[in-house]
Amino acid sequence: MQRKNTSGSMKSRMVFYGLIITLIMLDAFLISNPNLLGKLGFIIYKYSHLRTFPMALLTVSIVVGVIILITEGLVLIAKRQAPRKRIHGLFIGIFVLLIGVLVKTELDFQSWSYNHTGHKLRYGAFLLPVILILVVLQGYIRVIRHKPVSTEGISKP
């Protein structure tokens, strides 16, 4: 059995993760640079993990890294002949959960206290769930495109 050439797939995945790294850096910059009310809110609510660019970068990277690990784990499980309906259900469940996070972010930033924190913080807060949704969708597309190996001609012992 010949092995399929996956260099094109690997190249596109590297481009995708390069885009994700760029978006992570942009998100950390936006979150760490709010206006004066946003900075005051960071002090009052003790958001020390978002005050500076390096801390915001670390926080955003950890969140995105966890989602990447979960997504890659699900893709690996799907390629090892796991029940496809369960994997599809897990991906759809994670996707719906992240859409809920995006909606909650929108609702939170309509309140008075968050509404006046500045556009940078607001866009940064919206960008994080979008990055997570992109990572999950990319993994789900990889699962959908993967064709299970046929076991018709193989005899079982």
Protein backbone atom coordinates (compact mmCIF):
# COMPACT_ATOMS: atom_id res chain seq x y z
CA MET A 1 0.00 0.00 0.00
CA GLN A 2 1.48 3.32 -1.06
CA ARG A 3 1.57 6.21 1.32
CA LYS A 4 -0.31 9.29 0.20
CA ASN A 5 1.75 12.45 -0.38
CA THR A 6 0.71 14.88 2.35
CA SER A 7 3.25 17.64 1.70
CA GLY A 8 0.55 19.95 0.29
CA SER A 9 -1.56 19.35 3.36
CA MET A 10 1.40 20.01 5.64
CA LYS A 11 2.26 23.19 3.77
CA SER A 12 -1.28 24.54 4.07
CA ARG A 13 -1.35 23.64 7.77
CA MET A 14 1.90 25.55 8.32
CA VAL A 15 0.44 28.59 6.55
CA PHE A 16 -2.69 28.29 8.70
CA TYR A 17 -0.73 28.12 11.95
CA GLY A 18 1.42 31.05 10.79
CA LEU A 19 -1.80 33.02 10.40
CA ILE A 20 -2.94 31.89 13.85
CA ILE A 21 0.37 33.03 15.41
CA THR A 22 -0.05 36.43 13.74
CA LEU A 23 -3.61 36.69 15.05
CA ILE A 24 -2.46 35.71 18.55
CA MET A 25 0.12 38.49 18.54
CA LEU A 26 -2.44 41.00 17.24
CA ASP A 27 -4.95 39.91 19.87
CA ALA A 28 -2.41 40.24 22.68
CA PHE A 29 -1.48 43.73 21.46
CA LEU A 30 -5.12 44.82 21.29
CA ILE A 31 -5.99 43.43 24.71
CA SER A 32 -2.95 44.92 26.43
CA ASN A 33 -3.58 48.45 25.09
CA PRO A 34 -6.98 49.62 26.36
CA ASN A 35 -7.88 53.26 26.97
CA LEU A 36 -7.69 54.87 30.42
CA LEU A 37 -10.98 53.35 31.63
CA GLY A 38 -9.83 49.93 30.45
CA LYS A 39 -6.54 50.28 32.34
CA LEU A 40 -8.46 51.31 35.43
CA GLY A 41 -10.69 48.25 34.99
CA PHE A 42 -7.62 46.02 34.81
CA ILE A 43 -6.48 47.42 38.15
CA ILE A 44 -9.90 47.21 39.83
CA TYR A 45 -10.73 43.71 38.63
CA LYS A 46 -7.13 42.50 39.10
CA TYR A 47 -6.61 41.43 35.48
CA SER A 48 -2.85 41.38 35.94
CA HIS A 49 -2.54 38.67 33.28
CA LEU A 50 -3.69 41.21 30.65
CA ARG A 51 -1.92 44.42 31.70
CA THR A 52 1.25 44.09 29.65
CA PHE A 53 1.87 42.73 26.16
CA PRO A 54 4.03 39.77 27.30
CA MET A 55 1.46 38.67 29.89
CA ALA A 56 -1.42 39.10 27.43
CA LEU A 57 0.57 37.18 24.80
CA LEU A 58 1.18 34.35 27.26
CA THR A 59 -2.49 34.25 28.28
CA VAL A 60 -3.82 34.24 24.72
CA SER A 61 -1.18 31.69 23.65
CA ILE A 62 -2.13 29.31 26.46
CA VAL A 63 -5.84 29.53 25.61
CA VAL A 64 -5.25 28.98 21.89
CA GLY A 65 -2.67 26.25 22.62
CA VAL A 66 -5.17 24.28 24.70
CA ILE A 67 -7.75 24.45 21.91
CA ILE A 68 -5.11 23.40 19.36
CA LEU A 69 -4.18 20.39 21.52
CA ILE A 70 -7.84 19.40 21.90
CA THR A 71 -8.47 19.80 18.17
CA GLU A 72 -5.34 17.89 17.12
CA GLY A 73 -6.21 15.16 19.61
CA LEU A 74 -9.68 14.80 18.13
CA VAL A 75 -8.24 14.73 14.60
CA LEU A 76 -5.78 12.01 15.65
CA ILE A 77 -8.56 9.99 17.28
CA ALA A 78 -10.69 10.37 14.13
CA LYS A 79 -7.86 9.06 11.96
CA ARG A 80 -7.52 5.98 14.16
CA GLN A 81 -10.92 4.65 13.17
CA ALA A 82 -12.94 6.10 16.04
CA PRO A 83 -16.71 6.28 15.60
CA ARG A 84 -17.17 9.18 13.17
CA LYS A 85 -20.50 10.30 14.61
CA ARG A 86 -18.96 10.87 18.04
CA ILE A 87 -16.07 12.88 16.64
CA HIS A 88 -18.44 14.96 14.52
CA GLY A 89 -20.62 15.49 17.59
CA LEU A 90 -17.64 16.61 19.68
CA PHE A 91 -16.51 19.08 17.04
CA ILE A 92 -20.01 20.49 16.64
CA GLY A 93 -20.37 20.72 20.43
CA ILE A 94 -17.10 22.63 20.77
CA PHE A 95 -18.09 24.87 17.86
CA VAL A 96 -21.48 25.68 19.44
CA LEU A 97 -19.77 26.36 22.78
CA LEU A 98 -17.35 28.81 21.13
CA ILE A 99 -20.21 30.55 19.31
CA GLY A 100 -21.82 30.92 22.75
CA VAL A 101 -18.60 32.49 24.08
CA LEU A 102 -18.62 34.93 21.16
CA VAL A 103 -22.26 35.87 21.86
CA LYS A 104 -21.51 36.29 25.58
CA THR A 105 -18.57 38.55 24.71
CA GLU A 106 -20.90 40.68 22.58
CA LEU A 107 -23.43 40.90 25.40
CA ASP A 108 -20.74 41.75 27.98
CA PHE A 109 -19.31 44.54 25.86
CA GLN A 110 -22.74 46.14 25.47
CA SER A 111 -22.87 46.90 29.20
CA TRP A 112 -21.70 50.30 30.37
CA SER A 113 -18.50 49.30 32.14
CA TYR A 114 -17.07 47.30 29.23
CA ASN A 115 -18.52 49.57 26.55
CA HIS A 116 -16.16 52.41 27.49
CA THR A 117 -12.91 50.42 27.63
CA GLY A 118 -11.85 51.44 24.13
CA HIS A 119 -11.96 49.89 20.71
CA LYS A 120 -8.64 48.05 21.01
CA LEU A 121 -9.70 46.06 24.05
CA ARG A 122 -13.11 45.45 22.56
CA TYR A 123 -11.72 44.14 19.24
CA GLY A 124 -9.15 42.06 21.11
CA ALA A 125 -11.89 40.49 23.21
CA PHE A 126 -13.85 39.60 20.06
CA LEU A 127 -10.78 38.30 18.25
CA LEU A 128 -9.97 35.55 20.78
CA PRO A 129 -13.19 33.52 20.27
CA VAL A 130 -12.85 34.03 16.51
CA ILE A 131 -9.32 32.55 16.61
CA LEU A 132 -10.61 29.58 18.61
CA ILE A 133 -13.47 29.04 16.16
CA LEU A 134 -11.01 29.11 13.24
CA VAL A 135 -8.81 26.46 14.89
CA VAL A 136 -11.77 24.16 15.59
CA LEU A 137 -13.21 24.60 12.10
CA GLN A 138 -9.85 23.81 10.50
CA GLY A 139 -9.64 20.59 12.53
CA TYR A 140 -13.21 19.68 11.68
CA ILE A 141 -12.57 20.21 7.97
CA ARG A 142 -9.54 17.91 8.23
CA VAL A 143 -11.74 15.23 9.82
CA ILE A 144 -14.41 15.60 7.14
CA ARG A 145 -11.84 15.35 4.32
CA HIS A 146 -10.18 12.26 5.82
CA LYS A 147 -11.43 9.14 4.10
CA PRO A 148 -11.54 6.09 6.34
CA VAL A 149 -9.43 3.16 5.16
CA SER A 150 -11.54 0.41 3.62
CA THR A 151 -11.24 -2.95 5.39
CA GLU A 152 -13.25 -5.00 2.85
CA GLY A 153 -10.32 -6.92 1.31
CA ILE A 154 -8.52 -7.56 4.59
CA SER A 155 -9.33 -10.80 6.35
CA LYS A 156 -9.49 -10.81 10.11
CA PRO A 157 -7.70 -13.57 12.03
